[in-house]
Amino acid sequence: MTGASTEQTDIGNTGEIIALIPAYAPEQSMADLIRELTAEFSHIVVVDDGCGEAYAGIFAQAAAFPQVHILKHEENKGKGRALKTGFAYILEHFPKALGVVTLDADGQHTVKDTLCCCEAFRRQPGSIVFGCRDFASDHQIPARSRFGNRLTSRLMKFFCDISLSDTQTGLRVHALSYLPELLKVEGERYEYEMNVIFYLKEIGVPFAEVPIEVIYLNNNESSHFNPIVDSFKIYKVFFKFCISSFGSAILDYLIFLLVSGGLLRFLGADAAVMLYRIEISTVIARVCSGLFNYHFNRHIFRSREGVSSSGPRYLLLWVIQMTISALLVKNLVLLAGGKEWLIKPLVDTLLFFISYKVQQLWVFRKGKEASSGR
C-alpha cells in the first residue's frame, strides 16, 4: 500500500460513520456513487486494489472531493485485504468514529439504502447491520447470484445456526469497537467477508438486516467473483466438517466390516456371535472413530470449553448415536436378509445430520463469554 493520496489529520467526530469502498477495476458508476456519498458523509475511504493506470481517471474523479481518502495497493491483493487496509486506516485516522459502512464499487448500492443501514446501526451500536437483497422474490437477480446466495444461506442456517438472508452482501455497517479484531480474521479475497460473519457470530455480536434495492448492471458482468475459486474458499468451513465426518465415517465403516467379518470367520455361525455380531462390531468401530471425530470437531467448532466440559456431552451423544445405529442396522439387516455393507452407511448418513446439529447447539456450544460478546 502506498498510503492515502491526501495528508489528512482530521480524527473525525464522535458518532460519525465512515464510508469504505474497496475497488478493483471500477467503472464510472463508482465515481457517480462517491459524488452522491459526499453529500452525506464527511469521510469516504476508497482502496485502489492494484487497478493500474487504466483506471487512474476514475480514481482521480473521486480524489477531487476533499472528503475522499484514496489508498492504493501496488498490485491486486483481493477484496479481503482491501477491506483490512481500509479498516486499519480508519482506526488510525478516525479513532472517534462510531462505525464503518462498507459498499461495493460496482454500483449495486444506493445512497438511500446506505443511509437506512447506518440509521439501523445507530439504533444498535455495537452490532453489524447487513443490507440484504430479496433473493426469494426478485427475479431480476442473475441466476448465479440467486443460487449462490440461497444455497449459502441454507448451509449457514443448518451448519452454523446463522439466519442471514443475504450472506454475500457488501453493504455492511461495522462498529469501530471490534474492527481491531477483524484485522486478524483470515482471508484475503471474498472468503474474508464470510469469515467475518462466522467470527462475529462466535463472539456474540448482534446481527441486523435492512432490506435494500436490488441493482445489477449488465447482468452483474462487472463482478470479479470467481464462482469456482471463491466459492470453494467461502464454503471451506463446511468442507472441514464434512471431511472430519467423512473421515470418521470411513474409519467407522471399515472397522465395522473388519470386525463383523472377523467374527464370522474365526467364530463361525455360533448363535451368540450371530445374535450380537452387529452390536459388537458397532461398539468397537465407534470407539475408534469417535475418538478421532471428537478431537477433530473440537477444533472445527472452536470450542472454548475444556474436555472436562464438552467431553461428557460428546460421550452421551456418542452412546445414544451408537445405540440407535446398532439397533437400526441390526433390524434392517434382519429384514433385508443381510446387506449390512449397504444398510450401515445409509443409517449413519441420516444420523450424521442429526449429530451435527446436536454437536453444534449442545456439545460444543459457546460459553457465556461468547454470548456476551467476548
Protein backbone atom coordinates (compact mmCIF):
# COMPACT_ATOMS: atom_id res chain seq x y z
CA MET A 1 0.00 0.00 0.00
CA THR A 2 1.36 3.40 -0.90
CA GLY A 3 -0.90 5.27 1.51
CA ALA A 4 -3.52 7.99 1.12
CA SER A 5 -3.45 10.44 -1.72
CA THR A 6 -4.04 13.32 0.68
CA GLU A 7 -2.44 14.03 4.01
CA GLN A 8 -5.46 14.30 6.27
CA THR A 9 -5.15 14.68 10.02
CA ASP A 10 -8.84 15.05 10.87
CA ILE A 11 -9.61 12.42 13.51
CA GLY A 12 -13.33 12.58 12.84
CA ASN A 13 -16.26 13.29 15.10
CA THR A 14 -17.70 11.16 17.87
CA GLY A 15 -20.67 9.25 16.45
CA GLU A 16 -19.52 9.60 12.82
CA ILE A 17 -19.80 6.71 10.37
CA ILE A 18 -17.02 6.42 7.78
CA ALA A 19 -17.78 5.07 4.29
CA LEU A 20 -15.34 2.49 2.90
CA ILE A 21 -15.22 1.25 -0.71
CA PRO A 22 -12.79 -1.50 -1.78
CA ALA A 23 -12.34 -1.13 -5.55
CA TYR A 24 -10.90 -3.30 -8.28
CA ALA A 25 -11.33 -2.34 -11.96
CA PRO A 26 -14.20 0.07 -11.16
CA GLU A 27 -16.46 1.65 -13.74
CA GLN A 28 -17.88 5.16 -13.92
CA SER A 29 -20.67 4.05 -11.58
CA MET A 30 -18.21 4.15 -8.66
CA ALA A 31 -17.30 7.78 -9.33
CA ASP A 32 -21.00 8.62 -9.55
CA LEU A 33 -21.68 6.83 -6.26
CA ILE A 34 -18.85 8.67 -4.49
CA ARG A 35 -20.15 12.02 -5.74
CA GLU A 36 -23.54 11.26 -4.16
CA LEU A 37 -21.94 9.98 -0.95
CA THR A 38 -20.03 13.23 -0.43
CA ALA A 39 -23.32 14.97 0.32
CA GLU A 40 -23.93 12.60 3.26
CA PHE A 41 -20.52 11.50 4.61
CA SER A 42 -17.69 13.65 5.92
CA HIS A 43 -15.09 10.98 5.17
CA ILE A 44 -15.01 8.35 2.42
CA VAL A 45 -12.11 5.91 2.19
CA VAL A 46 -11.52 4.24 -1.19
CA VAL A 47 -8.98 1.43 -1.63
CA ASP A 48 -7.49 1.09 -5.11
CA ASP A 49 -6.71 -2.64 -5.13
CA GLY A 50 -3.98 -2.62 -7.76
CA CYS A 51 -6.13 -1.30 -10.60
CA GLY A 52 -3.30 0.28 -12.58
CA GLU A 53 -3.11 3.30 -14.85
CA ALA A 54 -6.13 2.26 -16.92
CA TYR A 55 -8.39 3.28 -14.04
CA ALA A 56 -6.47 6.33 -12.87
CA GLY A 57 -9.09 8.67 -14.34
CA ILE A 58 -11.90 7.21 -12.24
CA PHE A 59 -9.87 7.45 -9.04
CA ALA A 60 -8.88 11.00 -9.97
CA GLN A 61 -12.57 11.93 -10.16
CA ALA A 62 -13.05 10.51 -6.65
CA ALA A 63 -9.93 12.21 -5.27
CA ALA A 64 -11.22 15.59 -6.44
CA PHE A 65 -13.56 15.65 -3.43
CA PRO A 66 -11.90 16.77 -0.18
CA GLN A 67 -13.84 14.16 1.84
CA VAL A 68 -12.30 11.28 -0.13
CA HIS A 69 -9.15 9.43 1.00
CA ILE A 70 -7.58 7.22 -1.67
CA LEU A 71 -5.45 4.28 -0.51
CA LYS A 72 -3.55 2.23 -3.05
CA HIS A 73 -2.22 -1.31 -3.39
CA GLU A 74 0.56 -1.56 -5.95
CA GLU A 75 -0.85 -4.95 -7.01
CA ASN A 76 -4.19 -6.69 -6.69
CA LYS A 77 -4.45 -8.36 -3.28
CA GLY A 78 -8.15 -9.23 -3.08
CA LYS A 79 -11.26 -7.73 -1.53
CA GLY A 80 -10.49 -9.07 1.94
CA ARG A 81 -7.10 -7.41 2.03
CA ALA A 82 -8.57 -4.17 0.63
CA LEU A 83 -11.12 -4.12 3.46
CA LYS A 84 -8.40 -4.73 6.05
CA THR A 85 -6.34 -1.89 4.57
CA GLY A 86 -9.34 0.41 4.86
CA PHE A 87 -10.16 -0.73 8.40
CA ALA A 88 -6.57 -0.14 9.55
CA TYR A 89 -6.52 3.34 8.03
CA ILE A 90 -9.84 4.28 9.65
CA LEU A 91 -8.72 3.01 13.06
CA GLU A 92 -5.58 5.13 12.83
CA HIS A 93 -7.09 8.31 11.42
CA PHE A 94 -10.65 8.30 12.80
CA PRO A 95 -10.46 6.73 16.28
CA LYS A 96 -13.51 8.69 17.48
CA ALA A 97 -15.80 7.37 14.77
CA LEU A 98 -18.79 5.24 15.70
CA GLY A 99 -18.58 2.79 12.83
CA VAL A 100 -17.76 2.00 9.20
CA VAL A 101 -20.17 1.30 6.35
CA THR A 102 -18.72 -0.76 3.50
CA LEU A 103 -20.06 -0.54 -0.05
CA ASP A 104 -19.21 -2.36 -3.26
CA ALA A 105 -17.67 -0.38 -6.11
CA ASP A 106 -19.86 -1.91 -8.84
CA GLY A 107 -22.90 0.34 -8.41
CA GLN A 108 -25.12 -2.16 -6.59
CA HIS A 109 -25.69 0.02 -3.53
CA THR A 110 -27.64 3.25 -3.38
CA VAL A 111 -27.01 6.15 -1.05
CA LYS A 112 -30.58 5.85 0.22
CA ASP A 113 -30.08 2.22 1.25
CA THR A 114 -26.68 3.06 2.75
CA LEU A 115 -28.25 5.72 4.96
CA CYS A 116 -31.03 3.32 6.02
CA CYS A 117 -28.41 0.79 7.12
CA CYS A 118 -26.49 3.48 9.02
CA GLU A 119 -29.68 4.58 10.78
CA ALA A 120 -30.41 0.99 11.80
CA PHE A 121 -26.86 0.73 13.14
CA ARG A 122 -27.24 3.89 15.21
CA ARG A 123 -30.20 2.26 16.91
CA GLN A 124 -28.00 -0.77 17.74
CA PRO A 125 -24.42 0.47 18.23
CA GLY A 126 -22.01 -2.43 18.52
CA SER A 127 -23.99 -4.60 16.11
CA ILE A 128 -23.37 -5.44 12.47
CA VAL A 129 -26.05 -4.35 10.01
CA PHE A 130 -26.43 -6.11 6.65
CA GLY A 131 -28.12 -4.53 3.66
CA CYS A 132 -29.91 -7.60 2.32
CA ARG A 133 -31.35 -8.19 -1.13
CA ASP A 134 -34.54 -10.22 -1.56
CA PHE A 135 -33.34 -13.34 -3.35
CA ALA A 136 -36.61 -15.18 -2.84
CA SER A 137 -38.88 -12.94 -4.91
CA ASP A 138 -36.78 -10.56 -7.01
CA HIS A 139 -36.33 -12.20 -10.41
CA GLN A 140 -34.01 -9.57 -11.88
CA ILE A 141 -31.17 -11.05 -9.83
CA PRO A 142 -28.81 -13.10 -12.07
CA ALA A 143 -29.17 -16.85 -11.70
CA ARG A 144 -25.63 -17.42 -10.40
CA SER A 145 -26.06 -14.82 -7.66
CA ARG A 146 -29.54 -16.09 -6.71
CA PHE A 147 -28.44 -19.73 -6.50
CA GLY A 148 -25.17 -19.00 -4.69
CA ASN A 149 -26.73 -16.81 -2.03
CA ARG A 150 -29.73 -19.03 -1.35
CA LEU A 151 -27.53 -22.13 -1.11
CA THR A 152 -25.09 -20.39 1.22
CA SER A 153 -27.91 -19.06 3.40
CA ARG A 154 -29.33 -22.56 3.84
CA LEU A 155 -25.93 -24.05 4.56
CA MET A 156 -25.17 -21.37 7.15
CA LYS A 157 -28.54 -21.88 8.81
CA PHE A 158 -28.01 -25.63 9.12
CA PHE A 159 -24.28 -25.85 9.74
CA CYS A 160 -23.66 -22.63 11.69
CA ASP A 161 -27.06 -21.68 13.16
CA ILE A 162 -26.81 -18.29 11.41
CA SER A 163 -30.02 -16.83 9.97
CA LEU A 164 -28.97 -14.40 7.25
CA SER A 165 -30.90 -13.93 4.03
CA ASP A 166 -28.04 -12.35 2.05
CA THR A 167 -24.67 -13.79 3.04
CA GLN A 168 -22.64 -12.08 0.32
CA THR A 169 -23.85 -8.51 0.55
CA GLY A 170 -21.08 -5.93 0.57
CA LEU A 171 -23.26 -3.29 2.23
CA ARG A 172 -22.49 -3.71 5.91
CA VAL A 173 -22.14 -1.38 8.88
CA HIS A 174 -19.48 -2.35 11.43
CA ALA A 175 -18.82 -0.92 14.88
CA LEU A 176 -15.39 0.65 15.25
CA SER A 177 -15.02 -1.17 18.57
CA TYR A 178 -14.47 -4.59 17.02
CA LEU A 179 -12.51 -3.51 13.91
CA PRO A 180 -9.14 -4.36 15.53
CA GLU A 181 -10.29 -7.98 15.80
CA LEU A 182 -11.46 -8.05 12.18
CA LEU A 183 -7.91 -7.23 11.07
CA LYS A 184 -6.92 -10.65 12.45
CA VAL A 185 -9.66 -12.62 10.67
CA GLU A 186 -8.31 -14.93 7.97
CA GLY A 187 -8.97 -14.36 4.28
CA GLU A 188 -7.67 -12.10 1.52
CA ARG A 189 -10.39 -12.41 -1.10
CA TYR A 190 -14.17 -12.88 -0.98
CA GLU A 191 -13.96 -15.54 1.71
CA TYR A 192 -12.93 -12.83 4.18
CA GLU A 193 -16.46 -11.42 4.37
CA MET A 194 -17.81 -14.90 5.12
CA ASN A 195 -15.16 -15.46 7.79
CA VAL A 196 -16.15 -12.15 9.37
CA ILE A 197 -19.72 -13.43 9.70
CA PHE A 198 -18.52 -16.60 11.42
CA TYR A 199 -16.24 -14.65 13.76
CA LEU A 200 -18.83 -12.05 14.78
CA LYS A 201 -21.34 -14.85 15.40
CA GLU A 202 -18.76 -16.62 17.57
CA ILE A 203 -18.12 -13.59 19.80
CA GLY A 204 -21.82 -12.75 20.09
CA VAL A 205 -22.11 -9.56 18.01
CA PRO A 206 -25.83 -8.91 17.26
CA PHE A 207 -26.91 -9.22 13.60
CA ALA A 208 -29.50 -6.97 11.96
CA GLU A 209 -30.87 -6.90 8.41
CA VAL A 210 -32.20 -3.99 6.36
CA PRO A 211 -34.00 -4.71 3.06
CA ILE A 212 -32.31 -2.92 0.15
CA GLU A 213 -32.98 -2.33 -3.52
CA VAL A 214 -31.63 -4.88 -5.98
CA ILE A 215 -29.42 -3.30 -8.63
CA TYR A 216 -27.49 -5.34 -11.18
CA LEU A 217 -25.83 -3.51 -14.06
CA ASN A 218 -25.45 -5.54 -17.29
CA ASN A 219 -26.45 -8.76 -15.51
CA ASN A 220 -23.66 -8.21 -12.96
CA GLU A 221 -20.93 -8.55 -15.60
CA SER A 222 -18.66 -6.22 -13.62
CA SER A 223 -18.44 -8.67 -10.72
CA HIS A 224 -14.97 -10.12 -10.14
CA PHE A 225 -16.32 -13.06 -8.12
CA ASN A 226 -14.91 -16.37 -9.39
CA PRO A 227 -17.73 -18.93 -8.98
CA ILE A 228 -15.32 -21.86 -8.55
CA VAL A 229 -12.26 -20.50 -6.73
CA ASP A 230 -14.06 -18.03 -4.47
CA SER A 231 -16.98 -20.36 -3.71
CA PHE A 232 -14.54 -23.03 -2.56
CA LYS A 233 -12.90 -20.58 -0.17
CA ILE A 234 -16.27 -19.44 1.15
CA TYR A 235 -17.52 -22.98 1.75
CA LYS A 236 -14.24 -24.17 3.25
CA VAL A 237 -15.67 -24.15 6.76
CA PHE A 238 -18.42 -26.53 5.65
CA PHE A 239 -15.93 -28.75 3.89
CA LYS A 240 -13.85 -29.04 7.06
CA PHE A 241 -16.72 -30.59 8.98
CA CYS A 242 -17.62 -32.85 6.06
CA ILE A 243 -14.00 -34.03 5.83
CA SER A 244 -13.99 -34.73 9.56
CA SER A 245 -17.26 -36.61 9.45
CA PHE A 246 -16.44 -38.37 6.19
CA GLY A 247 -13.07 -39.46 7.55
CA SER A 248 -14.53 -40.78 10.78
CA ALA A 249 -17.38 -42.44 8.85
CA ILE A 250 -14.91 -44.25 6.58
CA LEU A 251 -12.89 -45.32 9.62
CA ASP A 252 -16.06 -46.48 11.37
CA TYR A 253 -17.28 -48.33 8.28
CA LEU A 254 -14.01 -50.15 7.61
CA ILE A 255 -13.55 -51.20 11.23
CA PHE A 256 -17.18 -52.36 11.36
CA LEU A 257 -16.72 -54.56 8.27
CA LEU A 258 -13.39 -55.93 9.52
CA VAL A 259 -14.72 -56.83 12.97
CA SER A 260 -18.00 -58.19 11.63
CA GLY A 261 -16.23 -60.29 9.02
CA GLY A 262 -13.62 -61.41 11.53
CA LEU A 263 -16.23 -62.63 13.99
CA LEU A 264 -17.87 -64.70 11.29
CA ARG A 265 -14.58 -66.07 10.02
CA PHE A 266 -12.96 -67.05 13.30
CA LEU A 267 -16.00 -67.85 15.47
CA GLY A 268 -18.29 -69.22 12.82
CA ALA A 269 -22.05 -69.16 12.95
CA ASP A 270 -22.29 -69.53 16.69
CA ALA A 271 -25.73 -68.42 17.87
CA ALA A 272 -24.38 -65.97 20.44
CA VAL A 273 -21.99 -64.49 17.90
CA MET A 274 -24.71 -64.10 15.30
CA LEU A 275 -27.03 -62.51 17.86
CA TYR A 276 -24.58 -59.82 18.98
CA ARG A 277 -22.23 -59.58 15.99
CA ILE A 278 -23.57 -56.24 14.77
CA GLU A 279 -23.65 -54.72 18.27
CA ILE A 280 -20.06 -55.81 19.00
CA SER A 281 -18.83 -54.57 15.63
CA THR A 282 -20.63 -51.25 16.05
CA VAL A 283 -19.19 -50.60 19.52
CA ILE A 284 -15.59 -51.34 18.50
CA ALA A 285 -15.90 -49.25 15.33
CA ARG A 286 -17.50 -46.31 17.17
CA VAL A 287 -14.86 -46.25 19.90
CA CYS A 288 -12.12 -45.82 17.31
CA SER A 289 -13.93 -43.37 15.05
CA GLY A 290 -15.44 -41.44 17.98
CA LEU A 291 -12.03 -40.54 19.44
CA PHE A 292 -10.92 -39.27 16.05
CA ASN A 293 -14.13 -37.31 15.45
CA TYR A 294 -14.25 -35.67 18.88
CA HIS A 295 -10.79 -34.15 18.73
CA PHE A 296 -11.26 -33.01 15.13
CA ASN A 297 -14.64 -31.40 15.80
CA ARG A 298 -13.44 -29.55 18.90
CA HIS A 299 -11.16 -27.66 16.53
CA ILE A 300 -13.83 -27.12 13.85
CA PHE A 301 -16.43 -25.78 16.28
CA ARG A 302 -13.68 -23.77 18.05
CA SER A 303 -14.99 -24.91 21.38
CA ARG A 304 -13.72 -22.76 24.25
CA GLU A 305 -14.67 -25.35 26.80
CA GLY A 306 -12.25 -27.96 28.08
CA VAL A 307 -12.55 -31.67 27.53
CA SER A 308 -13.98 -32.00 31.04
CA SER A 309 -16.99 -29.93 29.97
CA SER A 310 -17.67 -30.92 26.36
CA GLY A 311 -16.30 -34.47 26.75
CA PRO A 312 -19.18 -35.87 28.84
CA ARG A 313 -21.75 -34.34 26.48
CA TYR A 314 -19.99 -35.81 23.47
CA LEU A 315 -19.78 -39.20 25.24
CA LEU A 316 -23.52 -39.18 25.94
CA LEU A 317 -24.29 -38.27 22.32
CA TRP A 318 -21.85 -40.93 21.16
CA VAL A 319 -23.54 -43.65 23.26
CA ILE A 320 -27.02 -42.66 22.10
CA GLN A 321 -25.99 -42.43 18.46
CA MET A 322 -24.12 -45.74 18.63
CA THR A 323 -27.12 -47.46 20.22
CA ILE A 324 -29.54 -46.13 17.63
CA SER A 325 -27.18 -47.07 14.82
CA ALA A 326 -26.71 -50.61 16.12
CA LEU A 327 -30.43 -51.18 16.62
CA LEU A 328 -31.45 -49.74 13.26
CA VAL A 329 -28.74 -51.55 11.33
CA LYS A 330 -29.46 -54.86 13.05
CA ASN A 331 -33.20 -54.76 12.48
CA LEU A 332 -32.88 -53.58 8.89
CA VAL A 333 -30.30 -56.30 8.19
CA LEU A 334 -32.68 -58.90 9.60
CA LEU A 335 -35.49 -57.57 7.42
CA ALA A 336 -33.31 -57.46 4.32
CA GLY A 337 -31.62 -60.80 4.99
CA GLY A 338 -28.13 -59.31 5.17
CA LYS A 339 -26.56 -56.45 3.18
CA GLU A 340 -25.13 -54.65 6.21
CA TRP A 341 -22.48 -53.19 3.86
CA LEU A 342 -25.27 -51.13 2.28
CA ILE A 343 -27.59 -50.55 5.22
CA LYS A 344 -25.00 -49.21 7.65
CA PRO A 345 -23.86 -46.20 5.52
CA LEU A 346 -27.49 -45.27 4.82
CA VAL A 347 -28.37 -45.28 8.52
CA ASP A 348 -25.21 -43.42 9.53
CA THR A 349 -25.77 -40.75 6.86
CA LEU A 350 -29.10 -39.90 8.46
CA LEU A 351 -27.54 -39.86 11.91
CA PHE A 352 -24.74 -37.62 10.61
CA PHE A 353 -27.07 -34.67 10.05
CA ILE A 354 -28.77 -35.13 13.41
CA SER A 355 -25.41 -35.44 15.16
CA TYR A 356 -24.08 -32.27 13.57
CA LYS A 357 -26.88 -30.11 14.95
CA VAL A 358 -26.60 -31.67 18.40
CA GLN A 359 -22.84 -31.08 18.47
CA GLN A 360 -23.25 -27.51 17.26
CA LEU A 361 -26.06 -26.49 19.63
CA TRP A 362 -25.19 -28.55 22.70
CA VAL A 363 -21.92 -30.50 22.76
CA PHE A 364 -19.62 -27.70 21.57
CA ARG A 365 -21.89 -24.79 22.44
CA LYS A 366 -20.26 -21.46 23.05
CA GLY A 367 -19.66 -20.43 26.63
CA LYS A 368 -21.12 -17.41 28.38
CA GLU A 369 -18.14 -15.34 27.32
CA ALA A 370 -19.12 -15.84 23.70
CA SER A 371 -22.75 -14.91 24.11
CA SER A 372 -21.81 -11.78 25.95
CA GLY A 373 -19.71 -10.61 23.02
CA ARG A 374 -16.25 -11.64 24.14
